[in-house]
């Protein structure tokens, strides 16, 4: 069952899509904040996402959540639980991987687009409120 989700092609494809989905976030972090460039990158990343094989969605969710939410695990160092940091990062990745895996059961990609646009802003992992994060770089 799980073998269909793990091959080199799907891993590369999902990693590339995840990198493009996360690229504007890291560009802004390093002081490169051109709204037009970020918008083009996000539109291209969404185009890649919806052109990829639906079997790669769980891996895209896994990698994207690791790229976006790795910092949540960094708070464990303040409680002397640094040995748990890798487990928390993988746990966050698995949590979002399962959410994206549920998208594979939807027949129409329009439903997935609507869930992304309207539904994902209400998922708050571990009580962290992500409503303040905007997915539109022009907003």
Protein backbone atom coordinates (compact mmCIF):
# COMPACT_ATOMS: atom_id res chain seq x y z
CA UNK A 1 0.00 0.00 0.00
CA UNK A 2 2.64 2.53 1.01
CA UNK A 3 5.06 1.48 -1.73
CA UNK A 4 3.04 3.42 -4.30
CA UNK A 5 3.85 6.66 -2.45
CA UNK A 6 7.60 6.13 -2.21
CA UNK A 7 9.65 6.09 -5.38
CA UNK A 8 12.44 8.36 -6.56
CA UNK A 9 10.32 10.19 -9.12
CA UNK A 10 7.59 11.08 -6.60
CA UNK A 11 10.19 12.10 -4.02
CA UNK A 12 11.94 14.45 -6.46
CA UNK A 13 8.68 15.84 -7.78
CA UNK A 14 7.28 16.55 -4.33
CA UNK A 15 10.53 18.05 -3.08
CA UNK A 16 10.70 20.44 -6.05
CA UNK A 17 7.08 21.53 -5.55
CA UNK A 18 7.68 22.00 -1.82
CA UNK A 19 10.77 24.09 -2.48
CA UNK A 20 8.84 26.38 -4.82
CA UNK A 21 5.97 26.64 -2.33
CA UNK A 22 8.43 27.64 0.39
CA UNK A 23 10.75 29.83 -1.69
CA UNK A 24 8.94 33.17 -1.10
CA UNK A 25 9.00 32.54 2.64
CA UNK A 26 12.77 32.10 2.65
CA UNK A 27 13.40 34.92 0.19
CA UNK A 28 11.56 37.31 2.50
CA UNK A 29 13.59 35.97 5.43
CA UNK A 30 16.82 36.82 3.63
CA UNK A 31 15.61 40.32 2.75
CA UNK A 32 14.59 39.68 -0.86
CA UNK A 33 11.04 41.00 -0.80
CA UNK A 34 9.76 41.67 -4.30
CA UNK A 35 6.02 41.15 -4.28
CA UNK A 36 5.75 40.53 -8.01
CA UNK A 37 8.52 37.92 -7.93
CA UNK A 38 6.98 36.20 -4.93
CA UNK A 39 3.58 36.15 -6.59
CA UNK A 40 5.01 34.64 -9.76
CA UNK A 41 6.82 31.98 -7.73
CA UNK A 42 3.65 31.10 -5.78
CA UNK A 43 1.53 30.93 -8.94
CA UNK A 44 4.16 28.72 -10.55
CA UNK A 45 4.32 26.53 -7.43
CA UNK A 46 0.54 26.11 -7.41
CA UNK A 47 0.66 25.28 -11.12
CA UNK A 48 3.29 22.62 -10.38
CA UNK A 49 1.26 21.34 -7.45
CA UNK A 50 -1.85 20.78 -9.51
CA UNK A 51 0.12 19.27 -12.40
CA UNK A 52 1.89 16.71 -10.22
CA UNK A 53 0.79 13.17 -9.73
CA UNK A 54 -1.87 12.96 -7.04
CA UNK A 55 0.19 10.25 -5.30
CA UNK A 56 2.82 12.84 -4.46
CA UNK A 57 0.42 15.02 -2.43
CA UNK A 58 1.28 13.41 0.93
CA UNK A 59 4.99 13.97 0.32
CA UNK A 60 4.36 17.55 -0.76
CA UNK A 61 2.46 18.12 2.48
CA UNK A 62 5.25 16.47 4.46
CA UNK A 63 8.10 18.50 2.93
CA UNK A 64 6.21 21.79 2.80
CA UNK A 65 5.21 21.57 6.45
CA UNK A 66 8.80 20.83 7.42
CA UNK A 67 10.04 23.83 5.42
CA UNK A 68 7.36 26.10 6.89
CA UNK A 69 6.97 24.86 10.47
CA UNK A 70 10.36 23.52 11.58
CA UNK A 71 10.72 26.44 13.98
CA UNK A 72 7.90 25.16 16.18
CA UNK A 73 10.16 22.33 17.32
CA UNK A 74 12.95 24.77 18.19
CA UNK A 75 11.05 25.85 21.31
CA UNK A 76 11.85 22.46 22.85
CA UNK A 77 15.41 23.60 23.52
CA UNK A 78 14.10 26.05 26.13
CA UNK A 79 12.67 23.12 28.10
CA UNK A 80 15.86 21.03 27.86
CA UNK A 81 14.13 18.64 25.46
CA UNK A 82 16.45 19.10 22.51
CA UNK A 83 16.46 15.36 21.83
CA UNK A 84 12.77 15.66 20.84
CA UNK A 85 13.32 18.28 18.13
CA UNK A 86 13.76 15.80 15.23
CA UNK A 87 10.72 13.81 16.38
CA UNK A 88 8.56 16.92 16.56
CA UNK A 89 9.67 18.05 13.10
CA UNK A 90 8.86 14.62 11.63
CA UNK A 91 5.58 14.58 13.60
CA UNK A 92 4.53 17.91 12.12
CA UNK A 93 5.47 16.63 8.67
CA UNK A 94 3.44 13.47 9.19
CA UNK A 95 0.45 15.47 10.44
CA UNK A 96 0.33 17.58 7.29
CA UNK A 97 1.25 14.60 5.14
CA UNK A 98 -1.91 12.87 6.37
CA UNK A 99 -3.98 15.98 5.64
CA UNK A 100 -2.62 16.11 2.09
CA UNK A 101 -3.11 12.34 1.78
CA UNK A 102 -6.81 12.89 2.49
CA UNK A 103 -6.88 15.18 -0.57
CA UNK A 104 -6.04 12.18 -2.74
CA UNK A 105 -9.51 10.78 -2.11
CA UNK A 106 -11.17 13.81 -3.67
CA UNK A 107 -12.16 13.31 -7.28
CA UNK A 108 -12.08 16.89 -8.54
CA UNK A 109 -9.10 19.20 -8.18
CA UNK A 110 -11.44 22.19 -7.91
CA UNK A 111 -12.51 20.89 -4.50
CA UNK A 112 -8.86 20.69 -3.45
CA UNK A 113 -8.31 24.28 -4.61
CA UNK A 114 -11.29 25.47 -2.59
CA UNK A 115 -10.07 23.61 0.49
CA UNK A 116 -6.67 25.28 0.12
CA UNK A 117 -8.11 28.73 -0.33
CA UNK A 118 -10.74 28.61 2.39
CA UNK A 119 -10.14 25.66 4.67
CA UNK A 120 -6.44 25.43 5.40
CA UNK A 121 -6.38 28.72 7.27
CA UNK A 122 -8.46 27.17 10.04
CA UNK A 123 -6.08 24.30 10.79
CA UNK A 124 -3.96 25.24 13.77
CA UNK A 125 -1.31 22.66 14.67
CA UNK A 126 -0.60 22.41 18.38
CA UNK A 127 -2.74 25.48 19.07
CA UNK A 128 -0.65 27.79 16.86
CA UNK A 129 -2.90 30.28 15.13
CA UNK A 130 -2.00 30.45 11.45
CA UNK A 131 -4.82 32.85 10.54
CA UNK A 132 -2.34 35.73 10.61
CA UNK A 133 -0.23 34.10 7.87
CA UNK A 134 -1.27 35.20 4.43
CA UNK A 135 -0.76 32.99 1.40
CA UNK A 136 -1.07 35.84 -1.07
CA UNK A 137 2.20 37.78 -1.34
CA UNK A 138 0.38 40.78 -2.83
CA UNK A 139 -2.01 40.99 0.13
